[in-house]
Protein backbone atom coordinates (compact mmCIF):
# COMPACT_ATOMS: atom_id res chain seq x y z
CA MET A 1 17.31 -10.31 -15.72
CA GLN A 2 15.85 -6.90 -15.67
CA GLY A 3 16.50 -3.33 -15.05
CA LEU A 4 16.28 0.47 -16.19
CA HIS A 5 19.42 2.17 -17.64
CA LEU A 6 18.35 6.31 -17.54
CA THR A 7 20.23 8.60 -19.73
CA GLY A 8 20.63 12.76 -20.20
CA ASP A 9 22.39 15.24 -21.77
CA LEU A 10 21.71 18.34 -20.07
CA PHE A 11 22.48 21.46 -22.71
CA GLY A 12 23.45 25.14 -20.69
CA CYS A 13 22.88 24.32 -17.15
CA GLY A 14 21.77 27.01 -14.26
CA CYS A 15 23.67 25.71 -11.34
CA SER A 16 26.35 27.17 -9.78
CA SER A 17 29.41 26.49 -11.06
CA ALA A 18 31.77 25.27 -8.14
CA THR A 19 28.30 22.31 -9.05
CA LEU A 20 30.05 21.38 -12.90
CA THR A 21 33.77 22.22 -11.68
CA ASP A 22 33.78 21.21 -7.29
CA LEU A 23 34.55 17.15 -6.50
CA GLU A 24 32.75 18.50 -2.84
CA THR A 25 29.36 20.40 -4.00
CA LEU A 26 29.11 16.96 -6.96
CA SER A 27 29.94 13.95 -4.94
CA THR A 28 27.57 15.05 -1.81
CA LEU A 29 25.05 16.35 -3.62
CA CYS A 30 25.31 12.97 -5.88
CA ARG A 31 25.64 10.90 -2.68
CA THR A 32 22.56 13.25 -0.98
CA ALA A 33 20.45 12.13 -4.07
CA THR A 34 20.67 8.49 -3.98
CA LEU A 35 20.94 8.41 -0.50
CA ALA A 36 17.28 10.23 -0.86
CA ALA A 37 16.03 8.28 -3.74
CA LYS A 38 16.99 4.61 -1.20
CA LEU A 39 19.62 3.07 -3.04
CA THR A 40 22.77 1.19 -1.48
CA ILE A 41 25.74 2.53 -2.05
CA VAL A 42 29.08 0.77 -2.10
CA ASP A 43 31.67 2.69 -2.84
CA GLU A 44 32.12 5.82 -5.41
CA LYS A 45 35.24 7.55 -7.25
CA TRP A 46 35.84 10.69 -8.69
CA HIS A 47 38.04 12.16 -11.33
CA VAL A 48 39.13 16.49 -11.50
CA PHE A 49 40.55 17.02 -14.64
CA PRO A 50 42.63 19.59 -14.98
CA ASP A 51 42.16 23.79 -16.30
CA TRP A 52 41.85 23.24 -19.88
CA ASN A 53 43.02 26.76 -21.84
CA GLY A 54 42.72 28.92 -17.92
CA GLN A 55 39.55 27.39 -17.88
CA PRO A 56 38.51 24.87 -15.03
CA GLY A 57 38.13 21.48 -15.50
CA GLY A 58 35.34 19.12 -16.03
CA ILE A 59 34.80 16.36 -13.39
CA THR A 60 33.93 12.23 -13.99
CA GLY A 61 32.39 10.44 -11.36
CA THR A 62 30.83 6.99 -10.61
CA ILE A 63 28.56 5.88 -7.34
CA LEU A 64 28.64 1.81 -7.05
CA LEU A 65 24.37 0.72 -5.78
CA ALA A 66 23.98 -2.84 -4.57
CA GLU A 67 21.55 -2.38 -7.11
CA SER A 68 24.05 -1.12 -9.94
CA HIS A 69 25.44 2.16 -10.63
CA LEU A 70 25.48 6.94 -10.71
CA ALA A 71 27.55 8.15 -14.08
CA ILE A 72 28.60 11.53 -14.97
CA HIS A 73 30.48 13.13 -16.33
CA THR A 74 30.37 17.33 -16.09
CA TRP A 75 31.84 19.47 -19.39
CA PRO A 76 32.14 23.28 -17.44
CA GLU A 77 32.74 24.86 -20.49
CA SER A 78 29.84 24.17 -22.70
CA ARG A 79 27.87 24.17 -18.53
CA GLY A 80 26.80 20.32 -20.11
CA VAL A 81 26.48 17.46 -18.08
CA THR A 82 26.32 13.56 -19.54
CA LEU A 83 24.13 11.55 -16.92
CA ASP A 84 23.91 7.58 -16.09
CA VAL A 85 21.58 6.33 -13.12
CA TYR A 86 21.04 2.19 -14.29
CA VAL A 87 19.11 -0.23 -11.86
CA CYS A 88 19.09 -3.41 -11.73
CA ASN A 89 15.05 -5.08 -10.52
CA PHE A 90 16.26 -8.73 -9.60
CA THR A 91 15.28 -9.06 -5.85
CA GLU A 92 13.17 -6.03 -6.02
CA ASP A 93 11.48 -2.98 -8.86
CA ASN A 94 13.61 -0.66 -7.98
CA THR A 95 12.54 2.04 -11.26
CA ALA A 96 10.21 4.87 -9.20
CA LYS A 97 13.67 4.93 -7.33
CA ALA A 98 15.91 5.13 -10.49
CA GLU A 99 13.16 7.35 -11.07
CA GLN A 100 13.59 9.82 -8.51
CA LEU A 101 17.72 10.25 -8.57
CA PHE A 102 17.64 10.88 -12.42
CA ASP A 103 14.67 13.23 -11.56
CA ALA A 104 16.82 14.74 -8.02
CA LEU A 105 20.53 15.64 -10.44
CA THR A 106 17.99 17.29 -13.08
CA VAL A 107 16.66 19.64 -12.05
CA ALA A 108 19.61 20.24 -9.50
CA PHE A 109 22.08 21.35 -12.71
CA ARG A 110 18.71 23.54 -14.92
CA PRO A 111 19.24 22.31 -17.59
CA GLN A 112 17.77 24.95 -20.72
CA LYS A 113 17.35 21.79 -22.94
CA GLN A 114 18.46 17.64 -22.13
CA THR A 115 17.31 13.95 -24.33
CA VAL A 116 16.70 11.70 -22.28
CA ASN A 117 16.08 8.14 -23.16
CA ARG A 118 14.77 5.28 -21.33
CA ILE A 119 15.69 1.73 -21.53
CA THR A 120 14.36 -1.15 -20.04
CA ARG A 121 16.91 -3.85 -19.96
CA GLY A 122 16.38 -7.27 -20.13
CA ASP A 123 13.66 -9.75 -21.11
CA VAL A 124 10.13 -7.34 -20.30
CA ALA A 125 8.48 -10.42 -21.81
CA GLY A 126 10.36 -11.13 -24.78
CA ALA A 127 9.35 -7.39 -25.65
CA THR A 128 11.95 -3.98 -26.83
CA ILE A 129 10.39 -0.50 -27.01
CA GLU A 130 13.20 2.21 -27.73
CA VAL A 131 11.29 5.09 -26.52
CA ARG A 132 13.58 8.60 -26.85
CA GLY A 133 12.71 11.89 -25.26
CA GLU A 134 13.44 15.80 -25.81
CA ALA A 135 12.45 18.28 -23.44
CA THR A 136 13.49 22.12 -24.21
CA ILE A 137 12.90 24.66 -21.46
CA VAL A 138 11.27 27.94 -24.15
CA GLY A 139 9.71 31.71 -22.13
CA GLY A 140 9.76 29.60 -18.96
CA GLU A 141 7.62 26.47 -20.67
CA VAL A 142 8.53 23.23 -20.91
CA LYS A 143 8.42 21.29 -24.25
CA LEU A 144 8.60 17.69 -24.40
CA LYS A 145 9.18 16.09 -27.90
CA GLN A 146 9.38 11.54 -28.12
CA VAL A 147 9.27 9.16 -30.39
CA CYS A 148 8.45 5.93 -29.38
CA ARG A 149 9.22 2.52 -31.61
CA TRP A 150 9.15 -0.99 -31.98
CA SER A 151 9.62 -3.87 -34.18
CA ASP A 152 6.73 -4.98 -36.25
CA SER A 153 6.86 -8.99 -34.04
CA ASP A 154 6.40 -6.79 -31.25
CA ALA A 155 3.49 -4.72 -32.65
CA PRO A 156 0.45 -6.60 -31.38
CA ILE A 157 1.33 -5.81 -27.90
CA PHE A 158 2.04 -2.29 -27.98
CA ALA A 159 0.37 -0.83 -30.84
CA PRO A 160 -2.81 -1.17 -28.97
CA ILE A 161 -1.85 1.44 -26.14
CA ALA A 162 0.30 4.23 -27.89
CA ASP A 163 -0.62 6.43 -30.37
CA LEU A 164 2.60 5.67 -32.77
CA GLY A 165 2.53 2.84 -35.11
CA PRO A 166 5.62 1.02 -35.10
CA LEU A 167 5.57 1.60 -39.15
CA ASN A 168 4.51 5.66 -39.18
CA PRO A 169 6.03 6.67 -41.78
CA ALA A 170 6.53 10.48 -39.35
CA LEU A 171 9.52 8.11 -37.55
CA ALA A 172 11.29 6.72 -41.24
CA GLY A 173 14.62 8.82 -40.37
CA VAL A 174 13.80 8.49 -36.74
CA SER A 175 17.97 8.08 -35.27
């Protein structure tokens, strides 16, 4: 069992309001990006929330994939989106497909700021590593902050190829 799980919290999305509130607009975007990434749609389910305080409600949706799933949630009142793409790598490596889908949707929402987590699921030679990244756009320039951590027992695997060590004091207290 092995797969890739990408999650994103997108803030200050500069996309059209319809992308956050219109079921047809959002579902078409998600289906089109999924098929362009050559992932296999099995089914989908969507829920449109009612208006709240005079503002259009958000949308929650999921596309069930033969490879796993895409889940998305919109918050139009704050122009926010949470995005979740997970693929299994059972019969083939679907990593590039997951990245293509995640990136296409992120670009479509045009966030001013985003927090992305890339989680390798399952067994990877018995080792685990956590990578967290946060990107912000300042004056049209993308600033990326990334943190890598691993257990002491996995240090011999990752330390030779990484900039950050397993007990880097600068990472103390980073969650």
